[in-house]
Structure formats: structure tokens, C-alpha cells
N, C-alpha and C. Protein backbone atom coordinates (compact mmCIF):
# COMPACT_ATOMS: atom_id res chain seq x y z
N UNK A 1 63.18 -12.54 34.30
CA UNK A 1 61.66 -12.67 34.42
C UNK A 1 61.20 -12.33 32.89
N UNK A 2 62.09 -12.73 32.00
CA UNK A 2 60.96 -12.48 30.70
C UNK A 2 60.46 -14.13 30.53
N UNK A 3 59.29 -13.88 29.54
CA UNK A 3 58.03 -14.32 29.50
C UNK A 3 58.87 -15.19 28.24
N UNK A 4 58.58 -16.64 28.27
CA UNK A 4 58.90 -17.45 26.79
C UNK A 4 57.57 -17.20 25.56
N UNK A 5 57.68 -16.76 24.81
CA UNK A 5 56.56 -16.41 23.52
C UNK A 5 56.83 -17.72 23.05
N UNK A 6 55.38 -18.23 22.77
CA UNK A 6 55.40 -19.42 22.15
C UNK A 6 54.19 -18.69 20.69
N UNK A 7 54.43 -20.27 19.75
CA UNK A 7 53.59 -19.95 18.47
C UNK A 7 52.22 -20.00 18.95
N UNK A 8 51.36 -19.78 18.37
CA UNK A 8 50.00 -19.84 18.37
C UNK A 8 49.64 -20.83 17.45
N UNK A 9 48.68 -21.83 17.87
CA UNK A 9 48.62 -22.76 16.30
C UNK A 9 46.88 -22.38 16.17
N UNK A 10 47.06 -23.00 15.01
CA UNK A 10 45.61 -22.89 14.16
C UNK A 10 44.41 -23.48 14.76
N UNK A 11 42.99 -22.80 15.18
CA UNK A 11 41.62 -23.03 15.71
C UNK A 11 41.47 -24.34 14.80
N UNK A 12 41.07 -25.48 15.68
CA UNK A 12 40.65 -26.88 14.70
C UNK A 12 39.81 -26.24 13.74
N UNK A 13 39.33 -26.53 12.60
CA UNK A 13 38.29 -26.67 11.86
C UNK A 13 36.87 -26.88 11.93
N UNK A 14 36.18 -25.93 11.91
CA UNK A 14 34.71 -26.58 12.49
C UNK A 14 34.23 -27.54 11.32
N UNK A 15 33.39 -28.21 11.48
CA UNK A 15 32.54 -28.99 11.16
C UNK A 15 31.32 -28.46 9.97
N UNK A 16 31.68 -28.89 8.75
CA UNK A 16 30.71 -28.19 7.97
C UNK A 16 29.29 -28.67 7.86
N UNK A 17 28.61 -28.30 7.45
CA UNK A 17 26.71 -28.86 7.61
C UNK A 17 26.57 -29.14 5.98
N UNK A 18 25.60 -30.60 6.23
CA UNK A 18 25.61 -30.89 5.09
C UNK A 18 24.65 -30.17 4.33
N UNK A 19 24.48 -30.08 2.71
CA UNK A 19 23.69 -29.37 2.19
C UNK A 19 22.63 -29.31 2.46
N UNK A 20 21.72 -28.41 2.52
CA UNK A 20 20.61 -28.01 2.80
C UNK A 20 19.85 -29.04 1.69
N UNK A 21 18.56 -28.88 1.73
CA UNK A 21 17.52 -29.59 0.68
C UNK A 21 17.61 -28.03 -0.52
N UNK A 22 17.60 -28.51 -1.34
CA UNK A 22 17.21 -27.81 -2.76
C UNK A 22 16.37 -26.53 -2.36
N UNK A 23 16.48 -25.31 -2.63
CA UNK A 23 15.69 -24.29 -2.04
C UNK A 23 15.12 -23.98 -3.37
N UNK A 24 13.15 -23.27 -3.01
CA UNK A 24 12.64 -23.30 -4.21
C UNK A 24 13.54 -22.19 -4.41
N UNK A 25 13.00 -21.85 -5.92
CA UNK A 25 13.13 -20.56 -6.71
C UNK A 25 12.52 -19.35 -6.00
N UNK A 26 12.75 -18.21 -5.92
CA UNK A 26 11.98 -16.83 -5.51
C UNK A 26 11.36 -16.75 -6.84
N UNK A 27 9.94 -16.03 -6.56
CA UNK A 27 8.92 -15.50 -7.34
C UNK A 27 9.62 -14.71 -8.35
N UNK A 28 9.53 -14.78 -9.77
CA UNK A 28 10.03 -13.63 -11.04
C UNK A 28 9.04 -12.34 -10.50
N UNK A 29 10.02 -11.36 -10.94
CA UNK A 29 9.90 -9.89 -10.36
C UNK A 29 8.66 -9.58 -11.35
N UNK A 30 8.14 -10.46 -12.39
CA UNK A 30 7.11 -9.77 -12.81
C UNK A 30 5.63 -10.39 -12.60
N UNK A 31 5.59 -11.30 -11.62
CA UNK A 31 4.94 -11.86 -10.36
C UNK A 31 4.59 -10.93 -8.95
N UNK A 32 5.35 -10.24 -8.49
CA UNK A 32 5.86 -9.28 -7.56
C UNK A 32 4.77 -8.07 -8.25
N UNK A 33 5.25 -7.90 -9.03
CA UNK A 33 4.56 -6.14 -9.90
C UNK A 33 3.60 -6.42 -10.23
N UNK A 34 3.07 -8.02 -10.66
CA UNK A 34 1.57 -8.01 -11.17
C UNK A 34 0.39 -7.78 -9.77
N UNK A 35 0.93 -7.78 -8.36
CA UNK A 35 0.44 -7.45 -7.70
C UNK A 35 -0.65 -6.10 -7.69
N UNK A 36 -1.93 -5.78 -7.72
CA UNK A 36 -2.42 -4.38 -7.92
C UNK A 36 -2.42 -3.88 -6.71
N UNK A 37 -2.02 -2.83 -6.80
CA UNK A 37 -2.12 -1.43 -5.71
C UNK A 37 -3.35 -0.62 -5.88
N UNK A 38 -4.13 -1.22 -5.22
CA UNK A 38 -5.07 -0.28 -5.09
C UNK A 38 -5.60 0.48 -3.75
N UNK A 39 -4.47 1.26 -3.34
CA UNK A 39 -4.56 2.04 -2.54
C UNK A 39 -4.84 3.84 -3.12
N UNK A 40 -5.50 4.14 -2.78
CA UNK A 40 -6.30 5.25 -3.47
C UNK A 40 -5.42 6.56 -3.19
N UNK A 41 -5.56 7.45 -4.10
CA UNK A 41 -4.73 8.91 -4.57
C UNK A 41 -5.54 9.90 -3.88
N UNK A 42 -5.97 10.96 -2.98
CA UNK A 42 -6.26 12.01 -2.22
C UNK A 42 -5.33 13.25 -3.20
N UNK A 43 -5.77 14.32 -3.69
CA UNK A 43 -5.57 15.50 -3.91
C UNK A 43 -5.04 16.27 -3.05
N UNK A 44 -4.00 17.04 -2.71
CA UNK A 44 -3.92 17.73 -1.06
C UNK A 44 -3.62 19.24 -1.55
N UNK A 45 -2.93 19.10 -2.71
CA UNK A 45 -2.84 20.73 -3.27
C UNK A 45 -2.83 20.24 -5.06
N UNK A 46 -3.66 21.41 -4.84
CA UNK A 46 -4.56 21.32 -6.69
C UNK A 46 -3.58 22.41 -7.39
N UNK A 47 -2.67 22.99 -6.99
CA UNK A 47 -1.69 23.82 -7.67
C UNK A 47 -0.46 23.13 -7.64
N UNK A 48 0.27 22.17 -8.23
CA UNK A 48 1.78 21.81 -8.21
C UNK A 48 2.97 23.02 -8.24
N UNK A 49 2.42 23.78 -8.52
CA UNK A 49 3.99 24.68 -9.02
C UNK A 49 5.20 24.00 -9.62
N UNK A 50 5.11 23.19 -10.57
CA UNK A 50 6.17 23.07 -11.44
C UNK A 50 5.70 23.59 -12.63
N UNK A 51 6.62 24.24 -13.00
CA UNK A 51 6.64 24.84 -14.31
C UNK A 51 6.13 24.19 -15.71
N UNK A 52 4.91 24.23 -16.57
CA UNK A 52 4.53 23.92 -17.18
C UNK A 52 5.19 23.25 -18.30
N UNK A 53 5.00 21.59 -19.03
CA UNK A 53 5.84 21.31 -19.89
C UNK A 53 7.15 20.34 -19.34
N UNK A 54 7.27 20.73 -17.84
CA UNK A 54 8.64 19.38 -17.40
C UNK A 54 7.80 18.37 -17.46
N UNK A 55 9.02 17.28 -16.81
CA UNK A 55 8.65 16.20 -16.75
C UNK A 55 7.96 16.36 -15.48
N UNK A 56 8.29 16.99 -14.45
CA UNK A 56 7.78 16.78 -12.70
C UNK A 56 6.57 17.19 -12.93
N UNK A 57 6.20 18.17 -13.97
CA UNK A 57 4.26 18.60 -14.31
C UNK A 57 4.04 17.88 -14.84
N UNK A 58 4.24 16.96 -15.58
CA UNK A 58 3.63 15.79 -16.23
C UNK A 58 3.27 14.96 -15.71
N UNK A 59 4.45 14.52 -14.72
CA UNK A 59 4.36 13.45 -13.98
C UNK A 59 3.13 13.68 -12.77
N UNK A 60 3.21 14.96 -12.12
CA UNK A 60 1.86 15.38 -11.01
C UNK A 60 0.78 15.30 -11.63
N UNK A 61 0.92 15.50 -13.51
CA UNK A 61 -0.68 15.65 -14.10
C UNK A 61 -1.44 14.56 -13.89
N UNK A 62 -0.21 13.32 -14.19
CA UNK A 62 -0.95 12.14 -14.52
C UNK A 62 -1.08 11.37 -12.79
N UNK A 63 -0.43 11.92 -12.21
CA UNK A 63 -0.97 11.23 -10.64
C UNK A 63 -2.10 11.97 -10.34
N UNK A 64 -2.39 13.75 -10.18
CA UNK A 64 -3.49 13.93 -10.09
C UNK A 64 -4.69 13.21 -10.75
N UNK A 65 -4.94 13.27 -12.24
CA UNK A 65 -5.81 12.26 -12.81
C UNK A 65 -6.13 11.31 -12.19
N UNK A 66 -4.95 10.59 -11.78
CA UNK A 66 -5.29 8.81 -11.38
C UNK A 66 -6.15 9.14 -10.00
N UNK A 67 -7.33 7.64 -9.71
CA UNK A 67 -7.69 7.21 -8.92
C UNK A 67 -6.98 6.66 -8.00
N UNK A 68 -6.36 5.69 -8.38
CA UNK A 68 -5.25 4.63 -7.27
C UNK A 68 -4.15 5.09 -8.20
N UNK A 69 -3.14 4.37 -7.27
CA UNK A 69 -1.78 4.12 -7.58
C UNK A 69 -1.71 3.05 -8.60
N UNK A 70 -2.20 2.29 -8.50
CA UNK A 70 -1.73 1.16 -9.78
C UNK A 70 -2.30 1.58 -11.33
N UNK A 71 -3.44 2.98 -10.68
CA UNK A 71 -3.87 3.42 -12.49
C UNK A 71 -2.58 4.49 -12.93
N UNK A 72 -2.34 5.34 -12.16
CA UNK A 72 -0.81 6.20 -11.98
C UNK A 72 0.13 5.33 -12.58
N UNK A 73 0.70 4.29 -12.07
CA UNK A 73 1.76 3.21 -12.86
C UNK A 73 1.20 2.50 -13.74
N UNK A 74 -0.14 2.49 -14.20
CA UNK A 74 -0.23 2.11 -15.60
C UNK A 74 -0.23 3.07 -16.90
N UNK A 75 -0.38 4.74 -16.01
CA UNK A 75 -0.52 5.52 -17.32
C UNK A 75 1.05 6.05 -17.52
N UNK A 76 2.23 5.58 -16.35
CA UNK A 76 3.60 5.55 -16.51
C UNK A 76 4.22 6.36 -15.49
N UNK A 77 3.49 6.76 -14.76
CA UNK A 77 4.19 7.25 -13.57
C UNK A 77 4.90 6.28 -12.80
N UNK A 78 6.05 5.80 -12.40
CA UNK A 78 6.97 4.74 -11.54
C UNK A 78 5.98 4.87 -9.81
N UNK A 79 6.32 3.87 -9.18
CA UNK A 79 5.61 4.05 -7.74
C UNK A 79 6.86 4.80 -6.98
N UNK A 80 8.10 5.01 -7.19
CA UNK A 80 8.80 5.85 -6.40
C UNK A 80 8.51 7.68 -6.52
N UNK A 81 7.73 8.01 -7.82
CA UNK A 81 7.21 9.24 -8.32
C UNK A 81 5.95 9.33 -7.46
N UNK A 82 5.38 7.80 -7.05
CA UNK A 82 3.75 8.51 -6.26
C UNK A 82 4.49 8.37 -4.78
N UNK A 83 5.54 7.66 -4.39
CA UNK A 83 5.58 8.05 -3.29
C UNK A 83 6.30 9.50 -2.76
N UNK A 84 7.10 9.99 -3.96
CA UNK A 84 7.73 11.18 -3.44
C UNK A 84 6.62 12.27 -3.55
N UNK A 85 5.67 12.19 -4.23
CA UNK A 85 4.65 13.34 -4.48
C UNK A 85 3.91 13.32 -3.03
N UNK A 86 3.82 11.87 -2.22
CA UNK A 86 3.24 12.13 -1.19
C UNK A 86 4.19 12.41 -0.10
N UNK A 87 4.74 12.42 -0.34
CA UNK A 87 6.40 12.62 1.16
C UNK A 87 6.36 14.22 0.87
N UNK A 88 6.28 14.92 -0.25
CA UNK A 88 5.92 16.46 -0.50
C UNK A 88 5.01 16.97 -0.17
N UNK A 89 3.78 15.94 0.12
CA UNK A 89 2.47 16.39 0.69
C UNK A 89 1.71 16.99 -0.71
N UNK A 90 2.05 16.46 -2.06
CA UNK A 90 1.08 16.95 -2.88
C UNK A 90 -0.13 16.40 -3.15
N UNK A 91 -0.31 14.98 -2.66
CA UNK A 91 -1.32 13.75 -2.12
C UNK A 91 -0.98 13.02 -1.08
N UNK A 92 -2.22 12.61 -0.60
CA UNK A 92 -2.16 11.19 0.35
C UNK A 92 -2.65 10.30 -0.49
N UNK A 93 -2.07 9.03 0.22
CA UNK A 93 -2.29 7.50 -0.74
C UNK A 93 -2.40 6.72 0.88
N UNK A 94 -3.78 6.01 0.64
CA UNK A 94 -4.45 5.11 1.66
C UNK A 94 -5.86 4.80 1.46
């Protein structure tokens, strides 16, 4: 009752699609960053506790002095720093 093993053949090749119409190029990164972020910053903790003279203290002081996210970014703080300060509940953004 031995069964005979047979070789499997390759599946038939799928039909390829015709090339799509030329895609429009994505907007440059500068255009995406040019959009102003007008969300307001509200300070929740007046004392941040960072040691004076450190990068974190300078960053938080800059964020605290800014009224909007765009103002903070223009002053040299990254958006990820603003996001971090919001997650750490030093500020609220909205």
C-alpha cells in the first residue's frame, strides 16, 4: 500500500498588471513643515525641577516662554521636545 510520490509542478505565472499612470511626486518635506502649528501651550508645572544650565532646563524654559507650539519650534525646540513635555505633564497643548 505504498503511495507513489509525484513531483509538484510550479504554479502558473500570474499575469502582470500594466504599469500605472505616472504618480505625482510627494510634496517636499519643507512644504509639510511650512504649515504653522497654532496649538496653544499651557504651563501646568511652574517649576520644572531640571538642573539649571542643562539642555533640558533650557528647553523647558524656552517652551514655558512660548505661547504656541510654532513659537517654540521657531525658538529652536523640536516638536518632539514639546510632545515630551506634554506627556510628562509639564505643559498641555491644545
